[in-house]
């Protein structure tokens, strides 16, 4: 690979990392294995997975942190720790509403992860599995 191609490749990788960390998804840059692994690592805790599933179920309504803690029977400080991890991964976002913070699942990022997982489904088979 010549120097220019290598430079452009590095720029695209950095742009993609920045976009995913800020939860702004540029659909022209596909997710890569490293990004997918980081998302799976963030969801590897049963509690974080439950939080993401609960927020996903609420869609664009999201949930206030206190209601989320009650729904999952978690202490607020325990929930806060997991929310921070999910936010850092870009899997959830938050919005201040007066005294409360409302959390939302980043469904676009989850759809990108799903596309990444299924992009090669049955590629070496004659079946139409996906």
Protein backbone atom coordinates (compact mmCIF):
# COMPACT_ATOMS: atom_id res chain seq x y z
CA UNK A 1 0.00 0.00 0.00
CA UNK A 2 1.49 3.36 -0.95
CA UNK A 3 1.87 6.18 1.58
CA UNK A 4 -1.15 8.16 0.35
CA UNK A 5 -3.48 5.15 0.48
CA UNK A 6 -2.20 4.28 3.95
CA UNK A 7 -2.74 7.88 5.11
CA UNK A 8 -6.30 7.95 3.73
CA UNK A 9 -7.04 4.61 5.38
CA UNK A 10 -5.85 5.96 8.74
CA UNK A 11 -7.94 9.13 8.36
CA UNK A 12 -11.06 7.07 7.61
CA UNK A 13 -10.43 4.84 10.63
CA UNK A 14 -10.00 7.87 12.91
CA UNK A 15 -13.13 9.51 11.48
CA UNK A 16 -15.09 6.33 12.07
CA UNK A 17 -13.85 6.04 15.68
CA UNK A 18 -14.75 9.66 16.36
CA UNK A 19 -18.18 9.26 14.81
CA UNK A 20 -19.02 6.16 16.82
CA UNK A 21 -17.76 7.60 20.11
CA UNK A 22 -19.93 10.68 19.58
CA UNK A 23 -22.87 8.44 18.57
CA UNK A 24 -23.18 10.21 15.21
CA UNK A 25 -23.23 7.42 12.69
CA UNK A 26 -21.88 8.04 9.21
CA UNK A 27 -23.39 5.22 7.22
CA UNK A 28 -20.79 5.60 4.47
CA UNK A 29 -18.15 4.13 6.82
CA UNK A 30 -18.87 0.51 7.75
CA UNK A 31 -18.40 -0.76 11.27
CA UNK A 32 -15.26 -2.78 11.78
CA UNK A 33 -14.38 -5.74 13.99
CA UNK A 34 -12.69 -3.58 16.64
CA UNK A 35 -15.77 -1.36 17.05
CA UNK A 36 -18.10 -4.36 17.17
CA UNK A 37 -15.90 -6.01 19.81
CA UNK A 38 -16.02 -2.87 21.96
CA UNK A 39 -19.81 -2.79 21.75
CA UNK A 40 -20.06 -6.45 22.72
CA UNK A 41 -17.69 -5.85 25.61
CA UNK A 42 -19.94 -3.05 26.84
CA UNK A 43 -22.99 -5.32 26.61
CA UNK A 44 -21.27 -8.33 28.20
CA UNK A 45 -22.64 -7.51 31.65
CA UNK A 46 -26.13 -8.95 32.22
CA UNK A 47 -27.09 -5.69 33.94
CA UNK A 48 -25.91 -3.51 31.06
CA UNK A 49 -27.66 -5.79 28.59
CA UNK A 50 -30.89 -5.50 30.61
CA UNK A 51 -30.52 -1.70 30.71
CA UNK A 52 -30.05 -1.53 26.96
CA UNK A 53 -33.01 -3.85 26.34
CA UNK A 54 -35.24 -1.79 28.63
CA UNK A 55 -34.24 1.45 26.91
CA UNK A 56 -34.66 -0.17 23.48
CA UNK A 57 -38.19 -1.20 24.43
CA UNK A 58 -39.00 2.44 25.21
CA UNK A 59 -37.84 3.63 21.79
CA UNK A 60 -37.78 7.39 21.35
CA UNK A 61 -39.49 7.95 24.73
CA UNK A 62 -36.42 6.85 26.64
CA UNK A 63 -36.54 6.56 30.43
CA UNK A 64 -35.68 8.71 33.38
CA UNK A 65 -32.86 7.17 35.42
CA UNK A 66 -35.02 6.70 38.53
CA UNK A 67 -37.71 4.86 36.57
CA UNK A 68 -35.08 2.70 34.94
CA UNK A 69 -33.60 1.82 38.34
CA UNK A 70 -37.06 0.84 39.62
CA UNK A 71 -37.89 -1.20 36.52
CA UNK A 72 -34.66 -3.19 36.87
CA UNK A 73 -34.63 -3.24 40.68
CA UNK A 74 -31.21 -1.58 40.84
CA UNK A 75 -29.75 0.85 43.37
CA UNK A 76 -29.26 4.29 41.75
CA UNK A 77 -25.47 4.28 42.27
CA UNK A 78 -25.22 0.79 40.74
CA UNK A 79 -27.29 1.92 37.75
CA UNK A 80 -25.16 5.05 37.35
CA UNK A 81 -21.99 3.00 36.98
CA UNK A 82 -23.50 0.92 34.17
CA UNK A 83 -25.09 3.92 32.44
CA UNK A 84 -21.67 5.56 32.30
CA UNK A 85 -20.16 2.49 30.59
CA UNK A 86 -22.97 2.31 28.04
CA UNK A 87 -22.77 6.04 27.36
CA UNK A 88 -19.02 5.88 26.87
CA UNK A 89 -19.52 3.07 24.33
CA UNK A 90 -22.10 5.17 22.48
CA UNK A 91 -24.86 2.63 23.07
CA UNK A 92 -27.01 5.11 24.98
CA UNK A 93 -27.42 8.88 25.09
CA UNK A 94 -28.89 11.14 27.74
CA UNK A 95 -30.72 14.43 27.96
CA UNK A 96 -31.13 16.63 31.02
CA UNK A 97 -34.79 17.36 31.84
CA UNK A 98 -34.82 19.72 34.80
CA UNK A 99 -33.75 17.68 37.81
CA UNK A 100 -33.92 14.43 35.89
CA UNK A 101 -31.82 12.75 33.22
CA UNK A 102 -33.58 10.81 30.48
CA UNK A 103 -31.67 7.99 28.78
CA UNK A 104 -32.20 6.64 25.27
CA UNK A 105 -30.89 3.57 23.48
CA UNK A 106 -28.83 4.41 20.39
CA UNK A 107 -30.89 2.24 18.09
CA UNK A 108 -29.03 3.39 14.97
CA UNK A 109 -25.78 2.07 16.40
CA UNK A 110 -27.44 -1.21 17.33
CA UNK A 111 -28.77 -1.54 13.77
CA UNK A 112 -25.25 -0.92 12.47
CA UNK A 113 -23.98 -3.69 14.74
CA UNK A 114 -26.71 -6.01 13.47
CA UNK A 115 -25.77 -5.20 9.87
CA UNK A 116 -22.12 -5.89 10.70
CA UNK A 117 -23.02 -9.29 12.17
CA UNK A 118 -25.12 -10.36 9.22
CA UNK A 119 -23.20 -8.80 6.32
CA UNK A 120 -21.62 -12.13 5.36
CA UNK A 121 -24.51 -14.38 6.29
CA UNK A 122 -24.60 -17.42 4.01
CA UNK A 123 -22.08 -15.79 1.65
CA UNK A 124 -20.51 -19.19 0.88
CA UNK A 125 -23.81 -21.02 0.74
CA UNK A 126 -26.58 -21.29 -1.82
CA UNK A 127 -29.16 -20.69 0.93
CA UNK A 128 -31.01 -17.45 1.55
CA UNK A 129 -30.71 -17.44 5.34
CA UNK A 130 -30.68 -13.70 6.11
